[in-house]
Protein backbone atom coordinates (compact mmCIF):
# COMPACT_ATOMS: atom_id res chain seq x y z
CA MET A 1 18.01 20.90 38.51
CA LYS A 2 21.36 20.36 36.80
CA ASN A 3 19.69 20.56 33.39
CA ASN A 4 18.68 24.19 34.05
CA LEU A 5 22.36 25.10 34.40
CA LEU A 6 23.11 23.96 30.83
CA PRO A 7 23.50 26.59 28.10
CA GLN A 8 20.34 27.03 25.96
CA ARG A 9 21.82 25.31 22.88
CA HIS A 10 22.84 22.28 25.00
CA ARG A 11 19.40 22.02 26.60
CA GLY A 12 17.87 22.02 23.11
CA ALA A 13 20.19 19.26 21.94
CA GLU A 14 19.46 17.25 25.09
CA PHE A 15 15.71 17.64 24.54
CA SER A 16 16.01 16.54 20.90
CA LEU A 17 17.99 13.50 22.04
CA CYS A 18 15.20 12.63 24.50
CA LEU A 19 12.68 12.84 21.67
CA CYS A 20 14.82 10.55 19.53
CA VAL A 21 15.08 8.05 22.37
CA SER A 22 11.32 8.24 22.98
CA MET A 23 10.58 7.56 19.32
CA ALA A 24 13.03 4.67 19.27
CA SER A 25 11.38 3.27 22.40
CA LEU A 26 7.98 3.48 20.72
CA LEU A 27 9.26 1.50 17.74
CA VAL A 28 10.66 -1.18 20.02
CA VAL A 29 7.38 -1.45 21.95
CA VAL A 30 5.21 -1.70 18.83
CA GLY A 31 7.67 -3.95 17.02
CA CYS A 32 7.63 -5.29 13.49
CA SER A 33 5.25 -7.28 11.35
CA THR A 34 6.20 -10.02 8.89
CA VAL A 35 4.66 -9.87 5.42
CA PRO A 36 3.22 -13.21 4.26
CA TYR A 37 5.01 -14.99 1.40
CA THR A 38 7.82 -12.42 1.05
CA LYS A 39 8.76 -12.64 4.78
CA ARG A 40 9.81 -8.99 4.73
CA HIS A 41 9.79 -7.26 8.12
CA SER A 42 7.85 -4.00 8.31
CA MET A 43 7.38 -1.41 11.03
CA MET A 44 3.85 -1.05 12.41
CA LEU A 45 2.65 1.69 14.76
CA VAL A 46 -1.02 0.88 14.10
CA SER A 47 -2.71 -2.20 15.56
CA GLU A 48 -4.68 -4.61 13.36
CA LYS A 49 -7.78 -3.94 15.47
CA GLU A 50 -7.54 -0.21 14.90
CA GLU A 51 -6.72 -0.79 11.24
CA LYS A 52 -9.86 -2.87 10.68
CA LYS A 53 -12.02 -0.39 12.54
CA MET A 54 -10.83 2.43 10.30
CA GLY A 55 -11.35 0.22 7.25
CA GLU A 56 -14.94 -0.54 8.16
CA GLN A 57 -15.73 3.12 8.78
CA ALA A 58 -14.14 4.25 5.53
CA TYR A 59 -15.87 1.52 3.53
CA ALA A 60 -19.29 2.40 4.93
CA GLN A 61 -18.71 6.05 4.05
CA VAL A 62 -17.64 5.26 0.48
CA LEU A 63 -20.65 3.01 -0.12
CA LYS A 64 -22.95 5.69 1.28
CA GLU A 65 -21.56 8.32 -1.06
CA SER A 66 -21.26 6.13 -4.19
CA LYS A 67 -23.69 4.76 -6.73
CA LEU A 68 -23.53 0.97 -6.60
CA ASN A 69 -23.89 -1.16 -9.69
CA THR A 70 -26.34 -4.00 -9.04
CA ASP A 71 -26.18 -5.69 -12.44
CA PRO A 72 -26.74 -9.36 -11.48
CA GLU A 73 -24.22 -10.81 -13.94
CA LYS A 74 -21.41 -8.35 -13.19
CA LEU A 75 -21.96 -8.49 -9.45
CA ALA A 76 -22.07 -12.29 -9.48
CA MET A 77 -18.73 -12.40 -11.34
CA LEU A 78 -17.15 -9.93 -8.93
CA ARG A 79 -18.28 -11.86 -5.86
CA ARG A 80 -17.37 -15.23 -7.36
CA VAL A 81 -13.80 -14.05 -7.96
CA GLY A 82 -13.72 -12.34 -4.58
CA GLU A 83 -14.85 -15.41 -2.65
CA ARG A 84 -12.26 -17.63 -4.34
CA LEU A 85 -9.50 -15.14 -3.55
CA ALA A 86 -10.76 -14.72 0.01
CA LYS A 87 -10.51 -18.46 0.52
CA ALA A 88 -6.97 -18.43 -0.85
CA ALA A 89 -6.06 -15.53 1.44
CA ASP A 90 -7.03 -17.63 4.47
CA LYS A 91 -7.95 -14.74 6.78
CA PRO A 92 -10.84 -16.00 8.93
CA ASP A 93 -10.77 -12.77 10.94
CA PHE A 94 -11.64 -10.72 7.83
CA LYS A 95 -15.30 -9.86 7.20
CA TRP A 96 -15.18 -9.88 3.43
CA GLU A 97 -17.40 -7.61 1.35
CA PHE A 98 -17.37 -7.12 -2.42
CA ASN A 99 -19.14 -4.22 -4.14
CA LEU A 100 -19.16 -2.75 -7.64
CA ILE A 101 -19.19 1.04 -7.86
CA GLU A 102 -20.77 2.65 -10.90
CA ASP A 103 -18.07 4.89 -12.34
CA ASP A 104 -16.93 4.21 -15.89
CA LYS A 105 -14.22 6.89 -15.74
CA THR A 106 -12.38 5.32 -12.82
CA VAL A 107 -10.10 2.39 -13.70
CA ASN A 108 -9.45 1.23 -10.18
CA ALA A 109 -10.16 -1.19 -7.33
CA TRP A 110 -9.08 -1.34 -3.68
CA CYS A 111 -9.23 -3.49 -0.59
CA LEU A 112 -9.44 -1.87 2.84
CA PRO A 113 -8.30 -3.59 6.05
CA GLY A 114 -10.60 -6.41 7.05
CA GLY A 115 -11.41 -7.42 3.47
CA LYS A 116 -13.62 -4.53 2.33
CA ILE A 117 -13.31 -4.51 -1.47
CA ALA A 118 -14.62 -2.12 -4.11
CA VAL A 119 -14.20 -2.39 -7.88
CA TYR A 120 -15.14 0.44 -10.24
CA THR A 121 -17.01 -0.31 -13.45
CA GLY A 122 -14.30 1.56 -15.38
CA LEU A 123 -11.96 -1.36 -14.68
CA LEU A 124 -14.16 -4.01 -16.29
CA PRO A 125 -13.30 -3.30 -19.97
CA THR A 126 -9.58 -3.78 -19.18
CA SER A 127 -9.99 -6.76 -16.86
CA GLN A 128 -12.29 -8.34 -19.51
CA ASP A 129 -13.04 -11.57 -17.64
CA GLU A 130 -12.77 -13.38 -14.31
CA THR A 131 -9.05 -14.00 -14.65
CA GLY A 132 -8.31 -10.35 -15.41
CA LEU A 133 -10.43 -9.34 -12.44
CA ALA A 134 -8.55 -11.85 -10.28
CA VAL A 135 -5.27 -10.13 -11.19
CA VAL A 136 -6.49 -6.78 -9.87
CA MET A 137 -8.39 -8.08 -6.85
CA GLY A 138 -5.52 -10.38 -5.91
CA HIS A 139 -3.19 -7.39 -6.02
CA GLU A 140 -5.51 -5.29 -3.83
CA ILE A 141 -6.08 -8.09 -1.32
CA ALA A 142 -2.30 -8.50 -1.15
CA HIS A 143 -2.03 -4.89 0.01
CA ALA A 144 -4.40 -5.68 2.87
CA LEU A 145 -2.61 -8.91 3.81
CA ALA A 146 0.76 -7.14 3.84
CA ARG A 147 -0.78 -4.24 5.79
CA HIS A 148 0.76 -1.73 3.43
CA GLY A 149 -1.68 1.00 4.43
CA SER A 150 -0.70 0.78 8.08
CA GLU A 151 2.94 0.58 7.13
CA ARG A 152 2.67 3.85 5.20
CA MET A 153 0.77 5.44 8.09
CA SER A 154 3.51 4.33 10.48
CA GLN A 155 6.14 5.67 8.12
CA GLN A 156 4.45 9.06 7.96
CA MET A 157 4.19 9.18 11.75
CA VAL A 158 7.93 8.68 11.98
CA ILE A 159 8.62 11.20 9.21
CA GLN A 160 6.49 13.85 10.92
CA THR A 161 8.14 13.19 14.27
CA GLY A 162 11.54 13.31 12.58
CA GLY A 163 10.64 16.64 11.04
CA ARG A 164 9.78 18.08 14.47
CA ILE A 165 13.03 16.75 15.91
CA LEU A 166 14.99 18.30 13.07
CA SER A 167 13.26 21.64 13.64
CA ILE A 168 14.44 21.56 17.26
CA VAL A 169 17.95 20.46 16.34
CA THR A 170 18.28 23.31 13.83
CA GLY A 171 16.63 25.84 16.15
CA ALA A 172 19.88 27.71 16.78
CA GLN A 173 20.31 28.43 13.07
CA SER A 174 18.93 31.46 11.25
CA PRO A 175 15.25 31.28 10.17
CA LEU A 176 16.35 31.24 6.53
CA ALA A 177 18.76 28.35 7.06
CA ARG A 178 16.19 26.47 9.16
CA ASP A 179 13.50 26.94 6.49
CA ALA A 180 15.86 25.74 3.76
CA PHE A 181 16.84 22.71 5.81
CA ASN A 182 13.20 21.77 6.52
CA LYS A 183 12.32 22.10 2.85
CA ALA A 184 15.27 19.95 1.87
CA TYR A 185 14.24 17.37 4.44
CA GLY A 186 10.69 17.31 3.04
CA VAL A 187 11.81 16.82 -0.56
CA GLY A 188 14.44 14.29 0.43
CA THR A 189 11.92 12.27 2.40
CA GLN A 190 9.32 12.34 -0.36
CA LEU A 191 11.63 11.13 -3.11
CA GLY A 192 14.14 9.20 -1.05
CA VAL A 193 11.86 7.30 1.32
CA ALA A 194 8.12 7.59 0.78
CA LEU A 195 7.87 7.06 -2.97
CA PRO A 196 10.40 4.23 -3.38
CA HIS A 197 8.81 2.57 -0.38
CA SER A 198 5.40 2.84 -2.02
CA ARG A 199 6.75 1.43 -5.28
CA GLY A 200 8.18 -1.42 -3.21
CA ASN A 201 4.72 -2.02 -1.75
CA GLU A 202 3.24 -2.16 -5.24
CA SER A 203 5.80 -4.71 -6.43
CA GLU A 204 5.26 -6.75 -3.29
CA ALA A 205 1.48 -6.68 -3.87
CA ASP A 206 2.05 -7.90 -7.45
CA HIS A 207 4.17 -10.75 -6.08
CA ILE A 208 1.63 -11.83 -3.46
CA GLY A 209 -1.31 -11.13 -5.76
CA ILE A 210 -0.31 -13.61 -8.44
CA ILE A 211 0.26 -16.24 -5.74
CA LEU A 212 -3.26 -15.61 -4.41
CA MET A 213 -4.82 -15.86 -7.87
CA ALA A 214 -2.89 -19.07 -8.49
CA LYS A 215 -4.13 -20.54 -5.19
CA ALA A 216 -7.65 -19.50 -6.19
CA GLY A 217 -7.34 -21.49 -9.43
CA TYR A 218 -6.63 -18.65 -11.86
CA ASP A 219 -3.64 -18.93 -14.21
CA PRO A 220 -1.03 -16.43 -12.91
CA ARG A 221 0.54 -16.24 -16.37
CA LYS A 222 -2.54 -14.29 -17.44
CA ALA A 223 -1.38 -11.43 -15.21
CA MET A 224 1.02 -10.48 -17.99
CA ASP A 225 -1.88 -10.10 -20.44
CA PHE A 226 -3.75 -7.82 -18.03
CA TRP A 227 -0.78 -5.49 -17.47
CA LYS A 228 -0.13 -5.33 -21.21
CA ARG A 229 -3.72 -4.15 -21.65
CA MET A 230 -3.17 -1.60 -18.87
CA GLU A 231 -0.01 -0.42 -20.63
CA ALA A 232 -1.87 -0.01 -23.92
CA ALA A 233 -4.68 1.88 -22.20
CA GLY A 234 -2.36 4.09 -20.14
CA GLY A 235 -0.02 5.46 -22.79
CA GLY A 236 3.54 6.63 -22.21
CA LYS A 237 4.43 5.97 -18.58
CA ASP A 238 8.10 5.11 -19.08
CA ASP A 239 9.59 8.61 -18.92
CA PRO A 240 12.57 8.31 -16.48
CA MET A 241 11.55 11.30 -14.29
CA ARG A 242 7.95 10.14 -14.16
CA LYS A 243 9.13 6.70 -13.06
CA PHE A 244 11.31 8.30 -10.37
CA THR A 245 8.45 10.35 -8.88
CA SER A 246 5.67 7.80 -9.40
CA THR A 247 4.28 5.74 -6.56
CA HIS A 248 3.68 2.82 -8.92
CA PRO A 249 6.13 0.88 -11.10
CA SER A 250 5.69 1.42 -14.82
CA ASP A 251 3.63 -1.23 -16.57
CA LYS A 252 6.77 -2.50 -18.35
CA ASP A 253 8.73 -2.73 -15.09
CA ARG A 254 6.01 -4.61 -13.31
CA GLN A 255 5.67 -7.03 -16.23
CA LYS A 256 9.39 -7.82 -15.95
CA GLN A 257 9.08 -8.38 -12.20
CA ILE A 258 5.96 -10.53 -12.53
CA GLU A 259 7.77 -12.66 -15.08
CA LYS A 260 10.47 -13.29 -12.47
CA ASP A 261 7.83 -14.10 -9.82
CA LEU A 262 5.84 -16.52 -11.99
CA PRO A 263 7.82 -19.72 -11.18
CA GLU A 264 6.94 -19.33 -7.50
CA ALA A 265 3.29 -18.55 -8.23
CA LEU A 266 2.93 -21.52 -10.57
CA LYS A 267 3.82 -23.86 -7.70
CA PHE A 268 0.48 -22.90 -6.13
CA TYR A 269 -1.55 -23.14 -9.33
CA LYS A 270 -4.19 -25.85 -9.62
CA PRO A 271 -6.88 -25.12 -12.22
CA ILE A 272 -10.45 -25.39 -10.97
C-alpha cells in the first residue's frame, strides 16, 4: 500500500531495483562452474542436462540436413582420432558421435554438448593428417568440456535482462535520450563484454585442446604447424580493428599463446 504513495519516478526506480535483486538471486541459486585444467570460474544459467538435450536435438537436425561423407579411410581416421580424444577427455556421461560432413568449402569442425562432433571435408586439406585433425577436434572438445556454449547463453540472458532493466531505469528520460542510451549499451556490450569473452573462450579452448591431444598421444608441438597452415590459408587477419571486433584470436596471437601453453601440455604427452 505504501508503495502506491511513492512518486512515479521512485516507483520505477524501486521496481528496477527489485529486478536487479531478482537477477542477482538467480545467479546465486544457479551458481558457478569450474573449467577443467584452467580452473576458471564461469557463470552458468543452463543445466548440463538441458545443455546435452539441446545438443542432441541440434546434432540430429544437422545430420538430417547434411550430406555425410562415408569414405571408409577418411571416416576411420576421424573416428580413430575422436575416440582417442574422447578417452583423454574422460567424460563417461558423454555419448560420443563422430561424423564427416561433405562440404569442401567449409573449413570447420564443432563439438556440441554431450560429445556430438562434426568435421567438414573442407578442413581435411589443412589438417593434413591425424595430428592436425587432433588439434582441431581437441580444440572443439575443449569447448564442450568448458561448457563455453552454455556460458555464452548465460551471458546473453544476463545482457538481455540488463537491457530491460536499463530501459526501465531510463524511462523518465526523453525517447531520443533513451534510444541513444540503449544503442550505446548494445554497442558497449558487444565490444566490451561479448566479443572479448568469446576470444577468451577460444584461447581457453586452445589451452585445453593441446592438453587433450597430448593426453591422447599426439604431439602438442604440432599444433603450431596446424595454425601456421591456417594462417597461410586465411590471409591477412592481423588488422588491429579486425582483431578488436573478431570473436577469434588472430592466428599469430593464438600461436604465441599456444607456445606459452606448451610446457604444461608436454607434461601430459606420452607418444602411442
